[in-house]
Amino acid sequence: MIRTWFSAALRTVRAPRRSRPPRSRAAPVTHALIALCCALFVISPAAGLNPAYGTGEELLTAQRAHFHRWGVIPADLFAPLPGSWATPVTALFVHGSWVHLLGNMLFLYVFGAMTEARLGGVRYLLFYLGCGALALLGYAADNPGSEQSLVGASGAISAVLGAFLFLFPRARVTSLLPFAFFLPLRFPAWVVLPFWAALQWAAAGRAGDGPGVAYLAHLVGFGLGFLFAWVGPGRTTRVRSVPATAPEGENQP
C-alpha cells in the first residue's frame, strides 16, 4: 500500500497544475544578465571602487565620460553622431549608482526567471534587448533635444513586467506599501503591476527634461512587453496541463 501511495504522489508532483505558473530553477539568461550588469558596474567609474579613476572631481569627470560614451543622449542619437546608434543597447548594461543597479536587478530576478521559462531563453533574450532598446528610443523621440545621458535596464525590465502581467496575471507578488507601514503584503500581479504602471504614468506627466528617472521609458517598455506576450510567441507557448491519474483520490486543480 505504501508503494501505491508513493507512486500516486509521484505522478501528482510531476503533473503540471493549471492554476500555478511554471517555476524554473534554471534561468540562465536572466542570471547571466544580472551577472553581466553587476560585473560591468563594479569595474566602471560609477561604482567608485576602481582606484584607477581617482577620487573627487577626477572621479566625477570619469563618471560623466562613462555615461556619455555608453548611454543614450537623444540629441546625439538623432544628429546622428558616429557610434550613437548602438547606445540604446549598451545603455541597458550601464547603471548610475548602487541603488539604481540593485533596484533593477531585484526586479529582474523576481520577474525574469518565470518569464524566461515561458518564452524560452533565445526569445527572452531578444525580447529583453529589443524592448529595452525601443523603450529608450521612445524616450529619446519624446525628448530629441535633450543632452542628458540615459542609462539603465529599467526599460527592458519594465517590458519583463508587462509580459509577466499577461502571462501570469494571478501570480502572487509580495509588495511593501508605505501606507501599510511597509508590511509585506501579497497581491495578484493583475493588481500590483497595473498600479505600478499607473504610478509611472503619473510621474511621467510631472517629469521634465533633465536628469532624473525616465518614467516614459518605463511606460513604453511595459506596454511593449505586454503587447509582445499578447500577440507574440509567448501566447503560443502557454503550458497546458495534462491531468495525472490518481487511483486513490483526485488531484487538486
C-alpha atoms as a PDB file:
ATOM      1  CA  MET A   1       0.000   0.000   0.000  1.00  0.00           C
ATOM      2  CA  ILE A   2       2.840   2.393   0.799  1.00  0.00           C
ATOM      3  CA  ARG A   3       4.245   1.698  -2.638  1.00  0.00           C
ATOM      4  CA  THR A   4       0.880   2.574  -4.242  1.00  0.00           C
ATOM      5  CA  TRP A   5       0.653   5.832  -2.300  1.00  0.00           C
ATOM      6  CA  PHE A   6       4.213   6.742  -3.275  1.00  0.00           C
ATOM      7  CA  SER A   7       3.532   6.104  -6.978  1.00  0.00           C
ATOM      8  CA  ALA A   8       0.346   8.196  -6.910  1.00  0.00           C
ATOM      9  CA  ALA A   9       2.114  11.052  -5.101  1.00  0.00           C
ATOM     10  CA  LEU A  10       4.983  10.975  -7.600  1.00  0.00           C
ATOM     11  CA  ARG A  11       2.573  11.210 -10.540  1.00  0.00           C
ATOM     12  CA  THR A  12       0.789  14.104  -8.853  1.00  0.00           C
ATOM     13  CA  VAL A  13       4.028  16.041  -8.326  1.00  0.00           C
ATOM     14  CA  ARG A  14       5.093  15.502 -11.919  1.00  0.00           C
ATOM     15  CA  ALA A  15       1.747  16.612 -13.341  1.00  0.00           C
ATOM     16  CA  PRO A  16       1.609  20.331 -14.318  1.00  0.00           C
ATOM     17  CA  ARG A  17      -1.009  22.293 -12.415  1.00  0.00           C
ATOM     18  CA  ARG A  18      -3.344  24.628 -14.224  1.00  0.00           C
ATOM     19  CA  SER A  19      -3.564  27.302 -11.542  1.00  0.00           C
ATOM     20  CA  ARG A  20       0.147  27.603 -10.851  1.00  0.00           C
ATOM     21  CA  PRO A  21       2.643  29.219 -13.259  1.00  0.00           C
ATOM     22  CA  PRO A  22       5.724  27.165 -14.082  1.00  0.00           C
ATOM     23  CA  ARG A  23       8.677  27.824 -11.827  1.00  0.00           C
ATOM     24  CA  SER A  24      12.083  27.482 -13.385  1.00  0.00           C
ATOM     25  CA  ARG A  25      15.067  26.774 -11.189  1.00  0.00           C
ATOM     26  CA  ALA A  26      17.335  27.283 -14.177  1.00  0.00           C
ATOM     27  CA  ALA A  27      17.021  30.722 -15.742  1.00  0.00           C
ATOM     28  CA  PRO A  28      20.414  31.048 -17.453  1.00  0.00           C
ATOM     29  CA  VAL A  29      19.643  34.181 -19.462  1.00  0.00           C
ATOM     30  CA  THR A  30      18.203  36.086 -16.501  1.00  0.00           C
ATOM     31  CA  HIS A  31      21.100  35.095 -14.268  1.00  0.00           C
ATOM     32  CA  ALA A  32      23.635  35.944 -16.991  1.00  0.00           C
ATOM     33  CA  LEU A  33      22.074  39.396 -17.494  1.00  0.00           C
ATOM     34  CA  ILE A  34      22.212  40.078 -13.755  1.00  0.00           C
ATOM     35  CA  ALA A  35      25.818  38.903 -13.521  1.00  0.00           C
ATOM     36  CA  LEU A  36      26.880  40.953 -16.543  1.00  0.00           C
ATOM     37  CA  CYS A  37      25.224  44.139 -15.302  1.00  0.00           C
ATOM     38  CA  CYS A  38      26.791  43.727 -11.864  1.00  0.00           C
ATOM     39  CA  ALA A  39      30.260  42.961 -13.257  1.00  0.00           C
ATOM     40  CA  LEU A  40      30.215  45.901 -15.654  1.00  0.00           C
ATOM     41  CA  PHE A  41      29.057  48.228 -12.895  1.00  0.00           C
ATOM     42  CA  VAL A  42      31.747  47.130 -10.440  1.00  0.00           C
ATOM     43  CA  ILE A  43      34.568  47.801 -12.915  1.00  0.00           C
ATOM     44  CA  SER A  44      33.057  51.101 -14.080  1.00  0.00           C
ATOM     45  CA  PRO A  45      33.722  54.512 -12.517  1.00  0.00           C
ATOM     46  CA  ALA A  46      30.069  54.649 -11.367  1.00  0.00           C
ATOM     47  CA  ALA A  47      30.806  52.118  -8.608  1.00  0.00           C
ATOM     48  CA  GLY A  48      33.641  54.221  -7.188  1.00  0.00           C
ATOM     49  CA  LEU A  49      35.668  51.092  -6.384  1.00  0.00           C
ATOM     50  CA  ASN A  50      38.375  51.249  -9.033  1.00  0.00           C
ATOM     51  CA  PRO A  51      41.267  53.459  -7.813  1.00  0.00           C
ATOM     52  CA  ALA A  52      42.353  53.968 -11.422  1.00  0.00           C
ATOM     53  CA  TYR A  53      39.561  56.532 -11.835  1.00  0.00           C
ATOM     54  CA  GLY A  54      40.803  58.636  -8.944  1.00  0.00           C
ATOM     55  CA  THR A  55      38.658  60.440  -6.395  1.00  0.00           C
ATOM     56  CA  GLY A  56      36.743  63.680  -6.065  1.00  0.00           C
ATOM     57  CA  GLU A  57      36.423  65.771  -9.194  1.00  0.00           C
ATOM     58  CA  GLU A  58      38.563  63.358 -11.170  1.00  0.00           C
ATOM     59  CA  LEU A  59      36.137  60.522 -10.415  1.00  0.00           C
ATOM     60  CA  LEU A  60      33.124  62.676 -11.309  1.00  0.00           C
ATOM     61  CA  THR A  61      34.709  63.541 -14.639  1.00  0.00           C
ATOM     62  CA  ALA A  62      35.323  59.855 -15.355  1.00  0.00           C
ATOM     63  CA  GLN A  63      31.712  59.036 -14.480  1.00  0.00           C
ATOM     64  CA  ARG A  64      30.331  61.724 -16.793  1.00  0.00           C
ATOM     65  CA  ALA A  65      32.564  60.498 -19.627  1.00  0.00           C
ATOM     66  CA  HIS A  66      31.444  56.910 -18.991  1.00  0.00           C
ATOM     67  CA  PHE A  67      27.746  57.778 -19.143  1.00  0.00           C
ATOM     68  CA  HIS A  68      28.299  59.966 -22.208  1.00  0.00           C
ATOM     69  CA  ARG A  69      30.138  57.170 -24.012  1.00  0.00           C
ATOM     70  CA  TRP A  70      27.741  54.306 -23.338  1.00  0.00           C
ATOM     71  CA  GLY A  71      24.420  55.973 -22.525  1.00  0.00           C
ATOM     72  CA  VAL A  72      21.702  57.274 -24.818  1.00  0.00           C
ATOM     73  CA  ILE A  73      21.920  61.018 -25.493  1.00  0.00           C
ATOM     74  CA  PRO A  74      18.849  61.965 -27.550  1.00  0.00           C
ATOM     75  CA  ALA A  75      20.483  64.991 -29.160  1.00  0.00           C
ATOM     76  CA  ASP A  76      23.403  62.843 -30.362  1.00  0.00           C
ATOM     77  CA  LEU A  77      21.183  59.932 -31.363  1.00  0.00           C
ATOM     78  CA  PHE A  78      19.183  61.976 -33.835  1.00  0.00           C
ATOM     79  CA  ALA A  79      22.121  64.067 -35.080  1.00  0.00           C
ATOM     80  CA  PRO A  80      23.424  61.356 -35.602  1.00  0.00           C
ATOM     81  CA  LEU A  81      26.925  61.071 -34.230  1.00  0.00           C
ATOM     82  CA  PRO A  82      29.179  58.082 -35.053  1.00  0.00           C
ATOM     83  CA  GLY A  83      28.535  55.191 -32.717  1.00  0.00           C
ATOM     84  CA  SER A  84      25.373  56.650 -31.201  1.00  0.00           C
ATOM     85  CA  TRP A  85      23.207  54.077 -32.974  1.00  0.00           C
ATOM     86  CA  ALA A  86      24.469  51.355 -30.637  1.00  0.00           C
ATOM     87  CA  THR A  87      23.802  53.207 -27.384  1.00  0.00           C
ATOM     88  CA  PRO A  88      20.149  52.039 -26.964  1.00  0.00           C
ATOM     89  CA  VAL A  89      21.638  48.569 -26.370  1.00  0.00           C
ATOM     90  CA  THR A  90      24.815  49.478 -24.486  1.00  0.00           C
ATOM     91  CA  ALA A  91      22.863  51.744 -22.131  1.00  0.00           C
ATOM     92  CA  LEU A  92      20.938  48.699 -20.868  1.00  0.00           C
ATOM     93  CA  PHE A  93      24.110  47.485 -19.147  1.00  0.00           C
ATOM     94  CA  VAL A  94      25.119  50.800 -17.549  1.00  0.00           C
ATOM     95  CA  HIS A  95      23.777  51.984 -14.185  1.00  0.00           C
ATOM     96  CA  GLY A  96      24.216  55.272 -12.430  1.00  0.00           C
ATOM     97  CA  SER A  97      24.520  54.179  -8.799  1.00  0.00           C
ATOM     98  CA  TRP A  98      24.381  51.224  -6.447  1.00  0.00           C
ATOM     99  CA  VAL A  99      20.715  51.921  -5.679  1.00  0.00           C
ATOM    100  CA  HIS A 100      19.916  52.088  -9.390  1.00  0.00           C
ATOM    101  CA  LEU A 101      21.679  48.787 -10.044  1.00  0.00           C
ATOM    102  CA  LEU A 102      20.302  46.843  -7.062  1.00  0.00           C
ATOM    103  CA  GLY A 103      16.737  48.030  -7.628  1.00  0.00           C
ATOM    104  CA  ASN A 104      16.777  46.976 -11.276  1.00  0.00           C
ATOM    105  CA  MET A 105      18.434  43.636 -10.595  1.00  0.00           C
ATOM    106  CA  LEU A 106      15.940  42.825  -7.845  1.00  0.00           C
ATOM    107  CA  PHE A 107      13.016  43.325 -10.230  1.00  0.00           C
ATOM    108  CA  LEU A 108      14.775  41.317 -12.930  1.00  0.00           C
ATOM    109  CA  TYR A 109      15.477  38.470 -10.500  1.00  0.00           C
ATOM    110  CA  VAL A 110      11.886  38.337  -9.217  1.00  0.00           C
ATOM    111  CA  PHE A 111      10.059  38.568 -12.543  1.00  0.00           C
ATOM    112  CA  GLY A 112      12.648  37.454 -15.093  1.00  0.00           C
ATOM    113  CA  ALA A 113      13.007  33.737 -14.359  1.00  0.00           C
ATOM    114  CA  MET A 114       9.338  32.814 -14.831  1.00  0.00           C
ATOM    115  CA  THR A 115       9.052  34.988 -17.934  1.00  0.00           C
ATOM    116  CA  GLU A 116      12.160  33.355 -19.392  1.00  0.00           C
ATOM    117  CA  ALA A 117      10.741  29.906 -18.630  1.00  0.00           C
ATOM    118  CA  ARG A 118       7.599  30.720 -20.574  1.00  0.00           C
ATOM    119  CA  LEU A 119       9.226  32.453 -23.576  1.00  0.00           C
ATOM    120  CA  GLY A 120      12.345  30.327 -23.880  1.00  0.00           C
ATOM    121  CA  GLY A 121      15.927  31.522 -23.483  1.00  0.00           C
ATOM    122  CA  VAL A 122      16.652  32.822 -27.007  1.00  0.00           C
ATOM    123  CA  ARG A 123      13.287  34.551 -27.448  1.00  0.00           C
ATOM    124  CA  TYR A 124      13.553  36.006 -23.985  1.00  0.00           C
ATOM    125  CA  LEU A 125      16.991  37.495 -24.676  1.00  0.00           C
ATOM    126  CA  LEU A 126      15.880  39.031 -27.987  1.00  0.00           C
ATOM    127  CA  PHE A 127      12.716  40.290 -26.311  1.00  0.00           C
ATOM    128  CA  TYR A 128      14.717  41.839 -23.454  1.00  0.00           C
ATOM    129  CA  LEU A 129      17.224  43.611 -25.706  1.00  0.00           C
ATOM    130  CA  GLY A 130      14.693  44.672 -28.339  1.00  0.00           C
ATOM    131  CA  CYS A 131      12.057  46.045 -25.973  1.00  0.00           C
ATOM    132  CA  GLY A 132      14.719  47.705 -23.820  1.00  0.00           C
ATOM    133  CA  ALA A 133      16.249  49.485 -26.817  1.00  0.00           C
ATOM    134  CA  LEU A 134      12.824  50.560 -28.115  1.00  0.00           C
ATOM    135  CA  ALA A 135      11.888  51.905 -24.683  1.00  0.00           C
ATOM    136  CA  LEU A 136      14.990  54.117 -24.661  1.00  0.00           C
ATOM    137  CA  LEU A 137      14.287  55.196 -28.237  1.00  0.00           C
ATOM    138  CA  GLY A 138      10.752  56.107 -27.220  1.00  0.00           C
ATOM    139  CA  TYR A 139      12.053  58.390 -24.504  1.00  0.00           C
ATOM    140  CA  ALA A 140      14.643  59.889 -26.856  1.00  0.00           C
ATOM    141  CA  ALA A 141      11.988  60.569 -29.504  1.00  0.00           C
ATOM    142  CA  ASP A 142       9.926  62.472 -26.939  1.00  0.00           C
ATOM    143  CA  ASN A 143      12.992  64.481 -25.854  1.00  0.00           C
ATOM    144  CA  PRO A 144      15.012  64.867 -29.079  1.00  0.00           C
ATOM    145  CA  GLY A 145      16.944  67.899 -27.895  1.00  0.00           C
ATOM    146  CA  SER A 146      17.994  66.508 -24.522  1.00  0.00           C
ATOM    147  CA  GLU A 147      21.726  66.233 -23.853  1.00  0.00           C
ATOM    148  CA  GLN A 148      21.315  64.205 -20.668  1.00  0.00           C
ATOM    149  CA  SER A 149      22.688  60.668 -20.660  1.00  0.00           C
ATOM    150  CA  LEU A 150      20.054  57.970 -20.270  1.00  0.00           C
ATOM    151  CA  VAL A 151      21.348  54.714 -18.760  1.00  0.00           C
ATOM    152  CA  GLY A 152      19.968  51.626 -17.085  1.00  0.00           C
ATOM    153  CA  ALA A 153      17.983  48.481 -17.752  1.00  0.00           C
ATOM    154  CA  SER A 154      14.702  49.943 -16.471  1.00  0.00           C
ATOM    155  CA  GLY A 155      13.033  49.973 -19.892  1.00  0.00           C
ATOM    156  CA  ALA A 156      13.907  46.326 -20.551  1.00  0.00           C
ATOM    157  CA  ILE A 157      12.852  45.253 -17.056  1.00  0.00           C
ATOM    158  CA  SER A 158       9.587  47.161 -17.460  1.00  0.00           C
ATOM    159  CA  ALA A 159       8.997  45.062 -20.577  1.00  0.00           C
ATOM    160  CA  VAL A 160       9.548  41.942 -18.468  1.00  0.00           C
ATOM    161  CA  LEU A 161       6.907  43.236 -16.038  1.00  0.00           C
ATOM    162  CA  GLY A 162       4.463  43.816 -18.885  1.00  0.00           C
ATOM    163  CA  ALA A 163       4.985  40.310 -20.247  1.00  0.00           C
ATOM    164  CA  PHE A 164       4.696  38.846 -16.745  1.00  0.00           C
ATOM    165  CA  LEU A 165       1.343  40.590 -16.266  1.00  0.00           C
ATOM    166  CA  PHE A 166      -0.099  38.912 -19.355  1.00  0.00           C
ATOM    167  CA  LEU A 167       1.473  35.503 -18.792  1.00  0.00           C
ATOM    168  CA  PHE A 168       0.894  35.227 -15.033  1.00  0.00           C
ATOM    169  CA  PRO A 169      -1.922  37.646 -14.068  1.00  0.00           C
ATOM    170  CA  ARG A 170      -2.904  35.614 -10.989  1.00  0.00           C
ATOM    171  CA  ALA A 171       0.608  35.043  -9.643  1.00  0.00           C
ATOM    172  CA  ARG A 172       1.031  36.428  -6.134  1.00  0.00           C
ATOM    173  CA  VAL A 173       3.507  39.297  -5.759  1.00  0.00           C
ATOM    174  CA  THR A 174       4.831  40.456  -2.388  1.00  0.00           C
ATOM    175  CA  SER A 175       4.684  44.254  -2.056  1.00  0.00           C
ATOM    176  CA  LEU A 176       5.822  46.760   0.549  1.00  0.00           C
ATOM    177  CA  LEU A 177       3.325  49.628   0.776  1.00  0.00           C
ATOM    178  CA  PRO A 178       4.246  52.855   2.615  1.00  0.00           C
ATOM    179  CA  PHE A 179       0.688  53.482   3.815  1.00  0.00           C
ATOM    180  CA  ALA A 180       0.647  49.950   5.295  1.00  0.00           C
ATOM    181  CA  PHE A 181       3.817  50.633   7.340  1.00  0.00           C
ATOM    182  CA  PHE A 182       5.897  48.702   4.774  1.00  0.00           C
ATOM    183  CA  LEU A 183       4.416  45.387   5.838  1.00  0.00           C
ATOM    184  CA  PRO A 184       4.937  42.650   3.220  1.00  0.00           C
ATOM    185  CA  LEU A 185       1.548  42.047   1.589  1.00  0.00           C
ATOM    186  CA  ARG A 186       0.782  39.617  -1.221  1.00  0.00           C
ATOM    187  CA  PHE A 187      -1.431  40.660  -4.123  1.00  0.00           C
ATOM    188  CA  PRO A 188      -2.066  39.138  -7.555  1.00  0.00           C
ATOM    189  CA  ALA A 189       0.024  40.515 -10.409  1.00  0.00           C
ATOM    190  CA  TRP A 190      -3.073  41.979 -12.091  1.00  0.00           C
ATOM    191  CA  VAL A 191      -3.386  44.319  -9.082  1.00  0.00           C
ATOM    192  CA  VAL A 192       0.266  45.172  -8.396  1.00  0.00           C
ATOM    193  CA  LEU A 193       1.646  45.702 -11.902  1.00  0.00           C
ATOM    194  CA  PRO A 194      -1.129  47.951 -13.315  1.00  0.00           C
ATOM    195  CA  PHE A 195      -0.841  50.009 -10.118  1.00  0.00           C
ATOM    196  CA  TRP A 196       2.914  50.301 -10.713  1.00  0.00           C
ATOM    197  CA  ALA A 197       2.280  51.366 -14.329  1.00  0.00           C
ATOM    198  CA  ALA A 198      -0.215  53.991 -13.166  1.00  0.00           C
ATOM    199  CA  LEU A 199       2.420  55.433 -10.827  1.00  0.00           C
ATOM    200  CA  GLN A 200       4.887  55.623 -13.739  1.00  0.00           C
ATOM    201  CA  TRP A 201       2.251  57.397 -15.850  1.00  0.00           C
ATOM    202  CA  ALA A 202       1.570  59.955 -13.115  1.00  0.00           C
ATOM    203  CA  ALA A 203       5.285  60.542 -12.563  1.00  0.00           C
ATOM    204  CA  ALA A 204       5.940  60.868 -16.312  1.00  0.00           C
ATOM    205  CA  GLY A 205       3.365  63.657 -16.508  1.00  0.00           C
ATOM    206  CA  ARG A 206       5.279  65.662 -13.900  1.00  0.00           C
ATOM    207  CA  ALA A 207       8.779  64.889 -15.180  1.00  0.00           C
ATOM    208  CA  GLY A 208      10.622  67.484 -17.220  1.00  0.00           C
ATOM    209  CA  ASP A 209      13.639  67.386 -19.470  1.00  0.00           C
ATOM    210  CA  GLY A 210      16.675  66.908 -17.302  1.00  0.00           C
ATOM    211  CA  PRO A 211      18.404  64.446 -15.001  1.00  0.00           C
ATOM    212  CA  GLY A 212      16.212  62.019 -13.140  1.00  0.00           C
ATOM    213  CA  VAL A 213      14.152  58.926 -13.818  1.00  0.00           C
ATOM    214  CA  ALA A 214      12.984  58.284 -17.391  1.00  0.00           C
ATOM    215  CA  TYR A 215       9.417  57.281 -16.499  1.00  0.00           C
ATOM    216  CA  LEU A 216       8.351  57.417 -20.134  1.00  0.00           C
ATOM    217  CA  ALA A 217      10.865  54.674 -20.972  1.00  0.00           C
ATOM    218  CA  HIS A 218       9.260  52.552 -18.237  1.00  0.00           C
ATOM    219  CA  LEU A 219       5.817  53.033 -19.754  1.00  0.00           C
ATOM    220  CA  VAL A 220       6.985  52.276 -23.287  1.00  0.00           C
ATOM    221  CA  GLY A 221       8.798  49.146 -22.126  1.00  0.00           C
ATOM    222  CA  PHE A 222       5.825  47.954 -20.068  1.00  0.00           C
ATOM    223  CA  GLY A 223       3.438  48.395 -22.998  1.00  0.00           C
ATOM    224  CA  LEU A 224       5.787  46.667 -25.430  1.00  0.00           C
ATOM    225  CA  GLY A 225       6.272  43.731 -23.075  1.00  0.00           C
ATOM    226  CA  PHE A 226       2.553  43.215 -22.586  1.00  0.00           C
ATOM    227  CA  LEU A 227       1.924  43.511 -26.329  1.00  0.00           C
ATOM    228  CA  PHE A 228       4.708  41.043 -27.146  1.00  0.00           C
ATOM    229  CA  ALA A 229       3.317  38.443 -24.761  1.00  0.00           C
ATOM    230  CA  TRP A 230      -0.198  39.016 -26.105  1.00  0.00           C
ATOM    231  CA  VAL A 231       0.432  38.731 -29.842  1.00  0.00           C
ATOM    232  CA  GLY A 232       3.903  37.185 -29.939  1.00  0.00           C
ATOM    233  CA  PRO A 233       5.317  33.695 -29.429  1.00  0.00           C
ATOM    234  CA  GLY A 234       4.694  33.824 -25.684  1.00  0.00           C
ATOM    235  CA  ARG A 235       0.998  33.247 -26.290  1.00  0.00           C
ATOM    236  CA  THR A 236       1.537  30.025 -28.229  1.00  0.00           C
ATOM    237  CA  THR A 237       3.854  28.503 -25.630  1.00  0.00           C
ATOM    238  CA  ARG A 238       1.464  28.544 -22.706  1.00  0.00           C
ATOM    239  CA  VAL A 239       1.694  25.328 -20.736  1.00  0.00           C
ATOM    240  CA  ARG A 240      -1.374  23.112 -20.943  1.00  0.00           C
ATOM    241  CA  SER A 241      -1.889  20.722 -18.081  1.00  0.00           C
ATOM    242  CA  VAL A 242      -2.374  17.003 -18.633  1.00  0.00           C
ATOM    243  CA  PRO A 243      -4.297  15.546 -15.680  1.00  0.00           C
ATOM    244  CA  ALA A 244      -2.489  12.716 -13.971  1.00  0.00           C
ATOM    245  CA  THR A 245      -4.219   9.547 -12.957  1.00  0.00           C
ATOM    246  CA  ALA A 246      -4.757   9.258  -9.234  1.00  0.00           C
ATOM    247  CA  PRO A 247      -6.203   5.920  -8.267  1.00  0.00           C
ATOM    248  CA  GLU A 248      -6.863   6.884  -4.640  1.00  0.00           C
ATOM    249  CA  GLY A 249      -8.276  10.372  -4.996  1.00  0.00           C
ATOM    250  CA  GLU A 250      -8.474  13.340  -7.272  1.00  0.00           C
ATOM    251  CA  ASN A 251      -5.624  15.747  -7.977  1.00  0.00           C
ATOM    252  CA  GLN A 252      -6.016  19.318  -6.870  1.00  0.00           C
ATOM    253  CA  PRO A 253      -6.740  21.738  -9.760  1.00  0.00           C
END
